[in-house]
Protein backbone atom coordinates (compact mmCIF):
# COMPACT_ATOMS: atom_id res chain seq x y z
CA UNK A 1 5.33 8.32 0.86
CA UNK A 2 7.42 10.83 -1.79
CA UNK A 3 10.52 12.52 0.05
CA UNK A 4 9.29 15.93 -0.71
CA UNK A 5 11.26 19.20 -0.53
CA UNK A 6 9.93 21.82 1.44
CA UNK A 7 10.24 24.84 -0.74
CA UNK A 8 8.33 27.42 2.30
CA UNK A 9 10.79 27.43 5.19
CA UNK A 10 12.79 30.29 5.61
CA UNK A 11 16.94 30.53 4.64
CA UNK A 12 18.93 30.11 7.51
CA UNK A 13 21.08 33.98 8.52
CA UNK A 14 24.26 32.25 8.61
CA UNK A 15 25.79 32.09 5.69
CA UNK A 16 27.38 28.70 6.40
CA UNK A 17 24.03 27.54 7.27
CA UNK A 18 22.75 28.98 4.25
CA UNK A 19 25.59 27.01 2.04
CA UNK A 20 24.90 23.59 4.53
CA UNK A 21 20.97 24.18 3.86
CA UNK A 22 21.59 24.77 -0.17
CA UNK A 23 23.54 21.58 -0.22
CA UNK A 24 21.10 18.81 1.65
CA UNK A 25 18.03 20.76 -0.13
CA UNK A 26 20.41 19.90 -3.49
CA UNK A 27 20.29 16.09 -2.31
CA UNK A 28 16.64 16.47 -1.69
CA UNK A 29 15.82 17.11 -4.97
CA UNK A 30 17.74 14.98 -6.55
CA UNK A 31 15.93 11.94 -4.32
CA UNK A 32 12.74 13.30 -5.83
CA UNK A 33 13.80 13.84 -9.60
CA UNK A 34 15.98 10.96 -10.37
CA UNK A 35 18.51 13.73 -11.10
CA UNK A 36 21.97 13.01 -10.57
CA UNK A 37 24.03 15.22 -13.44
CA UNK A 38 23.41 18.55 -15.10
CA UNK A 39 20.87 17.59 -18.03
CA UNK A 40 22.94 18.81 -21.21
CA UNK A 41 21.81 21.39 -23.66
CA UNK A 42 22.47 19.75 -27.07
CA UNK A 43 19.88 21.44 -29.09
CA UNK A 44 17.85 18.04 -29.05
CA UNK A 45 13.94 18.42 -27.31
CA UNK A 46 13.30 17.46 -23.58
CA UNK A 47 9.72 15.50 -23.52
CA UNK A 48 8.48 14.46 -20.01
CA UNK A 49 5.54 12.46 -19.53
CA UNK A 50 3.62 12.27 -16.55
CA UNK A 51 1.29 9.21 -15.68
CA UNK A 52 -0.58 8.23 -12.98
CA UNK A 53 0.02 4.59 -13.07
CA UNK A 54 3.31 2.54 -14.14
CA UNK A 55 1.83 2.06 -17.62
CA UNK A 56 -0.03 5.03 -18.64
CA UNK A 57 2.84 6.82 -20.50
CA UNK A 58 4.16 3.31 -21.91
CA UNK A 59 0.36 3.18 -23.39
CA UNK A 60 -0.32 6.49 -24.46
CA UNK A 61 2.73 7.86 -26.00
CA UNK A 62 5.00 5.67 -26.51
CA UNK A 63 4.88 5.26 -29.95
CA UNK A 64 6.00 8.93 -30.55
CA UNK A 65 8.42 8.32 -27.64
CA UNK A 66 10.10 5.68 -29.64
CA UNK A 67 10.17 7.96 -32.57
CA UNK A 68 11.45 10.68 -30.82
CA UNK A 69 14.20 8.46 -28.79
CA UNK A 70 15.47 7.20 -32.15
CA UNK A 71 15.86 10.55 -33.70
CA UNK A 72 18.67 11.48 -30.70
CA UNK A 73 15.57 13.57 -28.43
CA UNK A 74 15.61 12.98 -24.79
CA UNK A 75 12.39 11.48 -22.87
CA UNK A 76 11.38 10.78 -19.82
CA UNK A 77 8.34 8.56 -18.61
CA UNK A 78 6.89 9.31 -14.66
CA UNK A 79 4.75 7.67 -12.83
CA UNK A 80 3.12 9.76 -9.60
CA UNK A 81 1.99 6.28 -8.33
CA UNK A 82 3.74 3.09 -7.88
CA UNK A 83 0.93 0.79 -8.67
CA UNK A 84 0.84 -0.87 -5.90
CA UNK A 85 -3.03 -1.94 -5.72
CA UNK A 86 -3.01 -2.48 -9.19
CA UNK A 87 -3.64 -6.14 -9.43
CA UNK A 88 -6.67 -8.99 -8.63
CA UNK A 89 -4.41 -11.00 -6.56
CA UNK A 90 -0.82 -9.24 -5.56
CA UNK A 91 -0.50 -6.31 -3.51
CA UNK A 92 1.44 -3.56 -1.88
CA UNK A 93 5.35 -3.67 -1.77
CA UNK A 94 5.72 -6.18 -3.61
CA UNK A 95 3.44 -5.47 -6.71
CA UNK A 96 5.08 -2.03 -6.01
CA UNK A 97 8.45 -3.48 -7.53
CA UNK A 98 7.16 -5.94 -9.89
CA UNK A 99 5.76 -3.04 -11.41
CA UNK A 100 8.54 -0.91 -11.34
CA UNK A 101 10.38 -3.70 -13.27
CA UNK A 102 8.22 -3.68 -15.70
CA UNK A 103 7.87 0.00 -16.98
CA UNK A 104 12.24 -0.24 -16.67
CA UNK A 105 11.56 -2.98 -19.04
CA UNK A 106 9.27 -1.08 -20.82
CA UNK A 107 11.50 1.95 -20.89
CA UNK A 108 14.19 -0.51 -22.69
CA UNK A 109 12.16 -1.50 -25.64
CA UNK A 110 10.90 1.53 -26.38
CA UNK A 111 14.43 3.30 -26.50
CA UNK A 112 13.56 6.08 -23.98
CA UNK A 113 16.38 7.74 -22.02
CA UNK A 114 14.64 7.40 -18.35
CA UNK A 115 11.59 6.20 -16.36
CA UNK A 116 10.80 6.99 -13.02
CA UNK A 117 8.01 5.68 -10.49
CA UNK A 118 7.05 7.44 -7.55
CA UNK A 119 6.29 6.31 -4.24
CA UNK A 120 2.51 7.52 -3.54
CA UNK A 121 -0.25 5.03 -2.98
CA UNK A 122 -1.78 3.70 -5.72
CA UNK A 123 -5.26 5.26 -5.44
CA UNK A 124 -4.89 7.23 -2.87
CA UNK A 125 -3.13 10.39 -5.11
CA UNK A 126 -4.46 13.81 -4.17
CA UNK A 127 -3.95 17.42 -6.08
CA UNK A 128 -1.83 18.51 -2.85
CA UNK A 129 0.62 21.51 -2.06
CA UNK A 130 3.45 19.23 -1.87
CA UNK A 131 2.64 17.58 -4.66
CA UNK A 132 2.51 19.98 -6.96
CA UNK A 133 5.47 21.51 -5.61
CA UNK A 134 7.28 17.96 -6.86
CA UNK A 135 5.99 18.17 -10.62
CA UNK A 136 7.34 21.17 -10.53
CA UNK A 137 10.56 19.91 -9.72
CA UNK A 138 10.24 16.66 -11.95
CA UNK A 139 9.26 19.06 -14.84
CA UNK A 140 12.34 22.10 -13.93
CA UNK A 141 15.06 19.26 -13.55
CA UNK A 142 14.10 17.81 -17.10
CA UNK A 143 13.99 21.21 -18.59
CA UNK A 144 11.30 20.10 -20.26
CA UNK A 145 10.11 21.27 -23.91
CA UNK A 146 6.98 19.60 -23.92
CA UNK A 147 5.14 18.07 -20.96
CA UNK A 148 2.22 15.08 -21.55
CA UNK A 149 -0.57 14.44 -18.76
CA UNK A 150 -4.05 12.74 -18.58
CA UNK A 151 -7.25 15.12 -19.12
CA UNK A 152 -8.63 16.23 -15.78
CA UNK A 153 -12.62 14.34 -16.91
CA UNK A 154 -11.36 10.90 -17.03
CA UNK A 155 -12.64 7.85 -14.55
CA UNK A 156 -10.00 7.35 -12.46
CA UNK A 157 -9.26 9.82 -9.56
CA UNK A 158 -5.27 9.18 -10.28
CA UNK A 159 -5.81 10.52 -13.86
CA UNK A 160 -8.24 13.02 -12.81
CA UNK A 161 -5.58 14.45 -9.85
CA UNK A 162 -2.30 13.72 -12.44
CA UNK A 163 -3.98 16.00 -14.84
CA UNK A 164 -5.27 18.38 -12.03
CA UNK A 165 -1.12 18.57 -10.71
CA UNK A 166 0.51 19.01 -13.96
CA UNK A 167 -1.97 21.51 -15.33
CA UNK A 168 -1.25 23.40 -11.86
CA UNK A 169 2.67 23.06 -12.50
CA UNK A 170 2.03 24.79 -15.80
CA UNK A 171 3.75 28.39 -15.62
CA UNK A 172 4.34 27.78 -11.84
CA UNK A 173 7.55 26.21 -13.16
CA UNK A 174 8.65 29.45 -14.46
CA UNK A 175 8.20 31.46 -11.13
CA UNK A 176 11.89 31.75 -9.43
CA UNK A 177 11.08 31.98 -5.68
CA UNK A 178 8.84 28.92 -5.88
CA UNK A 179 11.19 25.42 -5.24
CA UNK A 180 14.29 28.12 -5.72
CA UNK A 181 16.80 24.93 -5.46
CA UNK A 182 15.35 23.36 -8.65
CA UNK A 183 15.96 26.15 -11.34
CA UNK A 184 13.12 27.67 -13.15
CA UNK A 185 12.54 27.15 -17.00
CA UNK A 186 13.05 30.58 -18.96
CA UNK A 187 9.98 29.43 -21.24
CA UNK A 188 6.82 27.45 -20.11
CA UNK A 189 6.86 24.05 -21.63
CA UNK A 190 4.32 23.31 -23.86
CA UNK A 191 1.51 20.85 -22.58
CA UNK A 192 -0.40 18.60 -24.15
CA UNK A 193 -2.82 16.00 -23.12
CA UNK A 194 -3.07 12.09 -23.55
CA UNK A 195 -5.87 10.85 -25.68
CA UNK A 196 -8.89 8.92 -23.64
CA UNK A 197 -12.62 8.59 -24.63
CA UNK A 198 -14.71 11.14 -22.63
CA UNK A 199 -17.11 13.37 -24.09
CA UNK A 200 -18.10 15.12 -21.17
CA UNK A 201 -17.67 18.29 -20.54
CA UNK A 202 -15.64 17.99 -24.10
CA UNK A 203 -14.45 15.66 -26.10
CA UNK A 204 -10.67 15.41 -27.03
CA UNK A 205 -9.72 17.32 -29.48
CA UNK A 206 -7.36 15.99 -32.11
CA UNK A 207 -4.53 18.66 -32.03
CA UNK A 208 -1.63 16.08 -32.86
CA UNK A 209 -1.97 12.72 -34.59
CA UNK A 210 1.34 10.70 -35.37
CA UNK A 211 1.48 7.83 -37.47
CA UNK A 212 3.25 4.80 -35.14
CA UNK A 213 3.76 2.20 -37.88
CA UNK A 214 7.22 2.65 -38.19
CA UNK A 215 7.48 1.33 -34.45
CA UNK A 216 4.44 -0.41 -33.67
CA UNK A 217 6.19 -3.69 -32.63
CA UNK A 218 7.96 -1.67 -30.04
CA UNK A 219 4.69 -0.40 -28.49
CA UNK A 220 3.32 -3.69 -28.60
CA UNK A 221 6.51 -5.22 -27.01
CA UNK A 222 6.41 -2.20 -24.09
CA UNK A 223 3.28 -3.10 -23.56
CA UNK A 224 4.01 -7.06 -23.25
CA UNK A 225 6.72 -6.25 -20.99
CA UNK A 226 3.51 -4.94 -18.19
CA UNK A 227 2.56 -8.37 -17.66
CA UNK A 228 0.84 -7.98 -14.48
CA UNK A 229 -1.61 -5.26 -16.31
CA UNK A 230 -1.85 -6.81 -19.63
CA UNK A 231 -1.09 -10.45 -19.64
CA UNK A 232 -2.37 -10.96 -15.92
CA UNK A 233 -5.29 -8.35 -16.23
CA UNK A 234 -4.37 -6.20 -13.81
CA UNK A 235 -7.40 -5.17 -11.16
CA UNK A 236 -10.20 -7.12 -13.53
CA UNK A 237 -8.20 -10.20 -13.81
CA UNK A 238 -8.48 -14.05 -12.58
CA UNK A 239 -6.71 -17.06 -12.18
CA UNK A 240 -7.47 -18.41 -15.91
CA UNK A 241 -5.22 -15.59 -17.36
CA UNK A 242 -2.22 -16.67 -15.82
CA UNK A 243 -0.54 -18.86 -18.55
CA UNK A 244 0.57 -22.34 -16.94
CA UNK A 245 3.35 -23.28 -19.03
CA UNK A 246 5.14 -21.92 -22.22
CA UNK A 247 2.58 -22.52 -24.56
CA UNK A 248 -0.51 -20.96 -22.88
CA UNK A 249 1.98 -17.50 -22.43
CA UNK A 250 2.61 -17.96 -25.98
CA UNK A 251 -0.79 -17.81 -26.70
CA UNK A 252 -1.38 -15.01 -24.29
CA UNK A 253 0.89 -12.69 -25.38
CA UNK A 254 -0.73 -12.78 -29.02
CA UNK A 255 -3.73 -12.46 -27.99
CA UNK A 256 -2.74 -9.39 -25.87
CA UNK A 257 -0.60 -8.23 -29.38
CA UNK A 258 -3.76 -8.38 -31.34
CA UNK A 259 -6.07 -6.72 -28.71
CA UNK A 260 -3.69 -3.45 -28.89
CA UNK A 261 -3.26 -3.61 -32.14
CA UNK A 262 -6.90 -3.26 -32.69
CA UNK A 263 -6.96 -0.46 -30.65
CA UNK A 264 -4.12 1.46 -32.10
CA UNK A 265 -5.89 0.96 -35.64
CA UNK A 266 -9.12 2.06 -34.12
CA UNK A 267 -7.31 5.71 -33.38
CA UNK A 268 -5.65 5.77 -37.43
CA UNK A 269 -9.40 5.19 -38.41
CA UNK A 270 -10.92 7.63 -35.70
CA UNK A 271 -8.60 10.17 -36.61
CA UNK A 272 -8.36 9.65 -40.84
CA UNK A 273 -9.32 13.03 -41.80
CA UNK A 274 -6.36 14.59 -39.31
CA UNK A 275 -3.93 11.91 -40.21
CA UNK A 276 -4.64 12.80 -44.23
CA UNK A 277 -4.01 16.27 -43.28
CA UNK A 278 -0.66 15.85 -41.54
CA UNK A 279 0.69 13.35 -43.93
CA UNK A 280 -1.51 13.95 -47.50
CA UNK A 281 -3.93 12.11 -48.87
CA UNK A 282 -1.87 9.02 -50.51
CA UNK A 283 0.04 8.53 -47.07
CA UNK A 284 -2.62 9.63 -44.85
CA UNK A 285 -5.33 6.88 -46.21
CA UNK A 286 -2.16 3.87 -45.93
CA UNK A 287 -1.19 4.92 -41.71
CA UNK A 288 -2.57 1.42 -39.91
CA UNK A 289 -1.80 2.80 -35.91
CA UNK A 290 -1.89 6.18 -34.82
CA UNK A 291 -1.43 8.16 -31.53
CA UNK A 292 -3.29 11.44 -30.95
CA UNK A 293 -3.00 14.53 -28.64
CA UNK A 294 -4.70 17.78 -27.61
CA UNK A 295 -2.90 20.71 -26.81
CA UNK A 296 -3.06 21.98 -22.96
CA UNK A 297 -4.04 25.92 -23.06
CA UNK A 298 -2.39 25.86 -19.66
CA UNK A 299 1.36 26.09 -21.57
CA UNK A 300 3.18 27.57 -23.80
CA UNK A 301 0.50 27.85 -27.07
CA UNK A 302 2.65 27.22 -30.26
CA UNK A 303 1.34 28.37 -33.78
CA UNK A 304 -0.51 25.58 -35.03
CA UNK A 305 2.98 25.10 -37.85
CA UNK A 306 5.08 25.78 -35.14
CA UNK A 307 3.17 22.74 -32.81
CA UNK A 308 3.52 20.43 -35.94
CA UNK A 309 7.16 20.90 -36.10
CA UNK A 310 7.73 19.67 -32.67
CA UNK A 311 5.99 16.27 -33.35
CA UNK A 312 7.84 13.82 -35.93
CA UNK A 313 5.29 14.90 -38.29
CA UNK A 314 6.72 15.42 -42.09
CA UNK A 315 6.86 19.10 -43.10
């Protein structure tokens, strides 16, 4: 269970009690958000990606995150669940701890600044008020300019409810007296959706497509850090998928690398027209790997030109 700050309690009447309450509540907020110090205001973008499981952010936005990080921008990945049932053989605390270590290694491979896994149970995430408040605090604490998450039409309930929680936090992050001990944002962030293949009730709208050729090896390295999911197969794996020696591990890693290379190539091919629009015909036709995102209408609505300038795209 995630430690959650109750924002609805009445403030104490006594000034000393008020001060003690504020100090204790601030400590609770830090435990929830992972904050240990005031976030810098250095003119760089602050990006937070909030996924359902410890692999969602890495898989969906790892490439552009690596590009942003190399440019000095601040990127944080959050998983709202601990992934404790995401394997065919291992379950519970040992798997949750393993997956936490995997995403920490993936964060290092991508060069991002922070990665956090909350302790909600995998497969049991619900769009509750307390979880919404936790998401509000996370976004505020990071002082996010851009927030990524899942669309709400998705096969997995954790993905859907993560999308709902983040959508419900849009605008509310600017309300001063909701969760008042984490300062509200003066400006609603830009909210973006990860890509997916689902068509109903509406397919993904490709508002932004980013070439990730220059960082594809980093992204593949990050994927390979998550061995429980991509080497051993996650919930769909079996005993035969576990390498028994170094040679088998090398071969399995090669297979996974090739598989994901094809996946990210398919995105570039599917959205080739948008790549040409953003990069010009000559370069757009040559892009091999890409990530694609949709603008959520619940957040700030920049003009197409301003939205483009937020991303690592050519002028």
